[in-house]
Amino acid sequence: MIKQVELNIPTVFKKEPFFYNIIKNFKVIPSILEASFSTATGWAIVSFQGSSKELTRLFDYLEKKGIEVKFR
């Protein structure tokens, strides 16, 4: 299953290996389509490939960390 989302990323994650942690902790394949990071916030349009269960687990995790997930 493939889901395309827009992530609104708080500044606190700017120096964190954000996508590395996703790859390491979830059985998904991210493809960054577009991204930008200013001093205040960042955003990324990402296509994630994985099982429905794993994608749900990932999106729940992101929202709990304070990252807004908008489905496209």
N, C-alpha and C. Protein backbone atom coordinates (compact mmCIF):
# COMPACT_ATOMS: atom_id res chain seq x y z
N MET A 1 0.84 -1.17 0.00
CA MET A 1 0.00 0.00 0.00
C MET A 1 0.89 1.24 0.00
N ILE A 2 0.48 2.26 -0.74
CA ILE A 2 1.21 3.52 -0.80
C ILE A 2 0.29 4.66 -0.35
N LYS A 3 0.80 5.49 0.55
CA LYS A 3 0.07 6.67 1.04
C LYS A 3 0.94 7.89 0.84
N GLN A 4 0.36 8.94 0.26
CA GLN A 4 1.07 10.20 0.12
C GLN A 4 0.53 11.18 1.15
N VAL A 5 1.44 11.80 1.90
CA VAL A 5 1.04 12.70 2.97
C VAL A 5 1.88 13.97 2.94
N GLU A 6 1.34 15.01 3.55
CA GLU A 6 2.11 16.22 3.82
C GLU A 6 2.36 16.25 5.31
N LEU A 7 3.61 16.38 5.69
CA LEU A 7 3.99 16.44 7.10
C LEU A 7 4.36 17.88 7.44
N ASN A 8 3.79 18.41 8.51
CA ASN A 8 4.18 19.71 9.05
C ASN A 8 5.03 19.42 10.29
N ILE A 9 6.30 19.78 10.18
CA ILE A 9 7.30 19.33 11.15
C ILE A 9 7.76 20.49 12.03
N PRO A 10 7.57 20.38 13.35
CA PRO A 10 8.02 21.43 14.27
C PRO A 10 9.55 21.58 14.26
N THR A 11 10.01 22.75 14.62
CA THR A 11 11.44 23.07 14.62
C THR A 11 12.27 22.11 15.46
N VAL A 12 11.69 21.58 16.52
CA VAL A 12 12.43 20.68 17.42
C VAL A 12 13.04 19.49 16.68
N PHE A 13 12.49 19.12 15.54
CA PHE A 13 12.98 17.98 14.77
C PHE A 13 14.04 18.36 13.74
N LYS A 14 14.39 19.64 13.67
CA LYS A 14 15.30 20.13 12.64
C LYS A 14 16.66 19.45 12.69
N LYS A 15 17.17 19.20 13.87
CA LYS A 15 18.49 18.59 14.01
C LYS A 15 18.43 17.10 14.32
N GLU A 16 17.25 16.54 14.32
CA GLU A 16 17.06 15.12 14.60
C GLU A 16 17.09 14.34 13.28
N PRO A 17 17.69 13.14 13.28
CA PRO A 17 17.68 12.32 12.05
C PRO A 17 16.29 11.70 11.85
N PHE A 18 15.36 12.56 11.54
CA PHE A 18 13.93 12.24 11.49
C PHE A 18 13.61 11.05 10.57
N PHE A 19 14.02 11.13 9.32
CA PHE A 19 13.69 10.07 8.37
C PHE A 19 14.48 8.80 8.64
N TYR A 20 15.68 8.93 9.14
CA TYR A 20 16.45 7.75 9.53
C TYR A 20 15.69 6.97 10.61
N ASN A 21 15.16 7.70 11.60
CA ASN A 21 14.41 7.04 12.68
C ASN A 21 13.16 6.33 12.15
N ILE A 22 12.52 6.93 11.16
CA ILE A 22 11.35 6.28 10.56
C ILE A 22 11.76 4.97 9.89
N ILE A 23 12.81 5.03 9.10
CA ILE A 23 13.27 3.83 8.38
C ILE A 23 13.71 2.75 9.36
N LYS A 24 14.38 3.15 10.43
CA LYS A 24 14.89 2.20 11.41
C LYS A 24 13.78 1.54 12.23
N ASN A 25 12.72 2.29 12.56
CA ASN A 25 11.71 1.80 13.50
C ASN A 25 10.41 1.31 12.87
N PHE A 26 10.24 1.53 11.57
CA PHE A 26 9.00 1.13 10.91
C PHE A 26 9.34 0.40 9.61
N LYS A 27 8.52 -0.55 9.26
CA LYS A 27 8.72 -1.30 8.02
C LYS A 27 8.02 -0.57 6.88
N VAL A 28 8.57 0.60 6.54
CA VAL A 28 8.03 1.43 5.46
C VAL A 28 9.18 1.93 4.60
N ILE A 29 8.84 2.31 3.39
CA ILE A 29 9.81 2.92 2.47
C ILE A 29 9.32 4.33 2.18
N PRO A 30 10.05 5.35 2.67
CA PRO A 30 9.65 6.72 2.38
C PRO A 30 10.30 7.22 1.08
N SER A 31 9.56 8.03 0.37
CA SER A 31 10.09 8.72 -0.80
C SER A 31 9.73 10.19 -0.64
N ILE A 32 10.74 11.04 -0.44
CA ILE A 32 10.50 12.46 -0.22
C ILE A 32 10.31 13.12 -1.59
N LEU A 33 9.11 13.64 -1.82
CA LEU A 33 8.78 14.24 -3.10
C LEU A 33 9.13 15.73 -3.14
N GLU A 34 8.88 16.42 -2.04
CA GLU A 34 9.21 17.84 -1.88
C GLU A 34 9.42 18.09 -0.40
N ALA A 35 10.26 19.07 -0.07
CA ALA A 35 10.45 19.41 1.34
C ALA A 35 11.08 20.79 1.46
N SER A 36 10.81 21.44 2.61
CA SER A 36 11.41 22.73 2.92
C SER A 36 11.46 22.87 4.44
N PHE A 37 12.53 23.49 4.91
CA PHE A 37 12.65 23.72 6.34
C PHE A 37 13.13 25.14 6.58
N SER A 38 12.28 25.94 7.22
CA SER A 38 12.68 27.29 7.59
C SER A 38 13.16 27.26 9.04
N THR A 39 13.41 28.41 9.61
CA THR A 39 13.84 28.45 11.00
C THR A 39 12.70 28.13 11.96
N ALA A 40 11.47 28.33 11.52
CA ALA A 40 10.32 28.10 12.41
C ALA A 40 9.75 26.70 12.27
N THR A 41 9.45 26.29 11.08
CA THR A 41 8.84 24.98 10.86
C THR A 41 9.33 24.38 9.55
N GLY A 42 8.97 23.15 9.35
CA GLY A 42 9.30 22.50 8.09
C GLY A 42 8.10 21.74 7.57
N TRP A 43 8.16 21.38 6.31
CA TRP A 43 7.11 20.55 5.74
C TRP A 43 7.74 19.61 4.73
N ALA A 44 7.09 18.51 4.51
CA ALA A 44 7.56 17.54 3.52
C ALA A 44 6.36 16.83 2.92
N ILE A 45 6.40 16.64 1.64
CA ILE A 45 5.42 15.78 0.97
C ILE A 45 6.13 14.47 0.72
N VAL A 46 5.58 13.42 1.32
CA VAL A 46 6.26 12.13 1.32
C VAL A 46 5.29 11.04 0.90
N SER A 47 5.79 10.12 0.12
CA SER A 47 5.05 8.92 -0.23
C SER A 47 5.63 7.79 0.60
N PHE A 48 4.78 7.14 1.38
CA PHE A 48 5.22 6.01 2.20
C PHE A 48 4.63 4.72 1.65
N GLN A 49 5.47 3.70 1.52
CA GLN A 49 5.02 2.39 1.08
C GLN A 49 5.19 1.41 2.22
N GLY A 50 4.15 0.62 2.49
CA GLY A 50 4.20 -0.37 3.55
C GLY A 50 2.83 -0.99 3.74
N SER A 51 2.73 -1.90 4.69
CA SER A 51 1.44 -2.53 4.96
C SER A 51 0.50 -1.51 5.62
N SER A 52 -0.78 -1.74 5.49
CA SER A 52 -1.77 -0.86 6.09
C SER A 52 -1.55 -0.72 7.59
N LYS A 53 -1.26 -1.83 8.24
CA LYS A 53 -1.03 -1.83 9.69
C LYS A 53 0.20 -1.00 10.05
N GLU A 54 1.28 -1.16 9.29
CA GLU A 54 2.52 -0.43 9.59
C GLU A 54 2.36 1.07 9.31
N LEU A 55 1.65 1.42 8.25
CA LEU A 55 1.41 2.82 7.95
C LEU A 55 0.57 3.48 9.04
N THR A 56 -0.45 2.79 9.52
CA THR A 56 -1.27 3.31 10.61
C THR A 56 -0.43 3.51 11.85
N ARG A 57 0.42 2.56 12.16
CA ARG A 57 1.32 2.67 13.31
C ARG A 57 2.25 3.88 13.16
N LEU A 58 2.80 4.07 11.97
CA LEU A 58 3.68 5.21 11.71
C LEU A 58 2.95 6.54 11.88
N PHE A 59 1.78 6.68 11.27
CA PHE A 59 1.06 7.95 11.32
C PHE A 59 0.60 8.26 12.74
N ASP A 60 0.21 7.25 13.50
CA ASP A 60 -0.14 7.46 14.91
C ASP A 60 1.08 7.96 15.69
N TYR A 61 2.22 7.36 15.45
CA TYR A 61 3.48 7.75 16.10
C TYR A 61 3.81 9.20 15.78
N LEU A 62 3.72 9.57 14.50
CA LEU A 62 4.06 10.94 14.10
C LEU A 62 3.15 11.96 14.77
N GLU A 63 1.86 11.68 14.80
CA GLU A 63 0.91 12.60 15.42
C GLU A 63 1.16 12.72 16.93
N LYS A 64 1.53 11.62 17.58
CA LYS A 64 1.83 11.67 19.01
C LYS A 64 3.08 12.50 19.28
N LYS A 65 4.01 12.55 18.33
CA LYS A 65 5.24 13.35 18.46
C LYS A 65 4.99 14.82 18.14
N GLY A 66 3.77 15.17 17.68
CA GLY A 66 3.45 16.56 17.38
C GLY A 66 3.63 16.95 15.93
N ILE A 67 3.76 15.96 15.07
CA ILE A 67 3.91 16.20 13.63
C ILE A 67 2.53 16.06 12.98
N GLU A 68 2.10 17.13 12.33
CA GLU A 68 0.79 17.10 11.68
C GLU A 68 0.88 16.29 10.39
N VAL A 69 -0.06 15.36 10.23
CA VAL A 69 -0.10 14.49 9.05
C VAL A 69 -1.36 14.82 8.26
N LYS A 70 -1.19 15.30 7.02
CA LYS A 70 -2.33 15.58 6.13
C LYS A 70 -2.28 14.59 4.99
N PHE A 71 -3.34 13.83 4.84
CA PHE A 71 -3.41 12.86 3.75
C PHE A 71 -3.78 13.56 2.46
N ARG A 72 -3.15 13.16 1.38
CA ARG A 72 -3.36 13.80 0.06
C ARG A 72 -4.13 12.88 -0.85
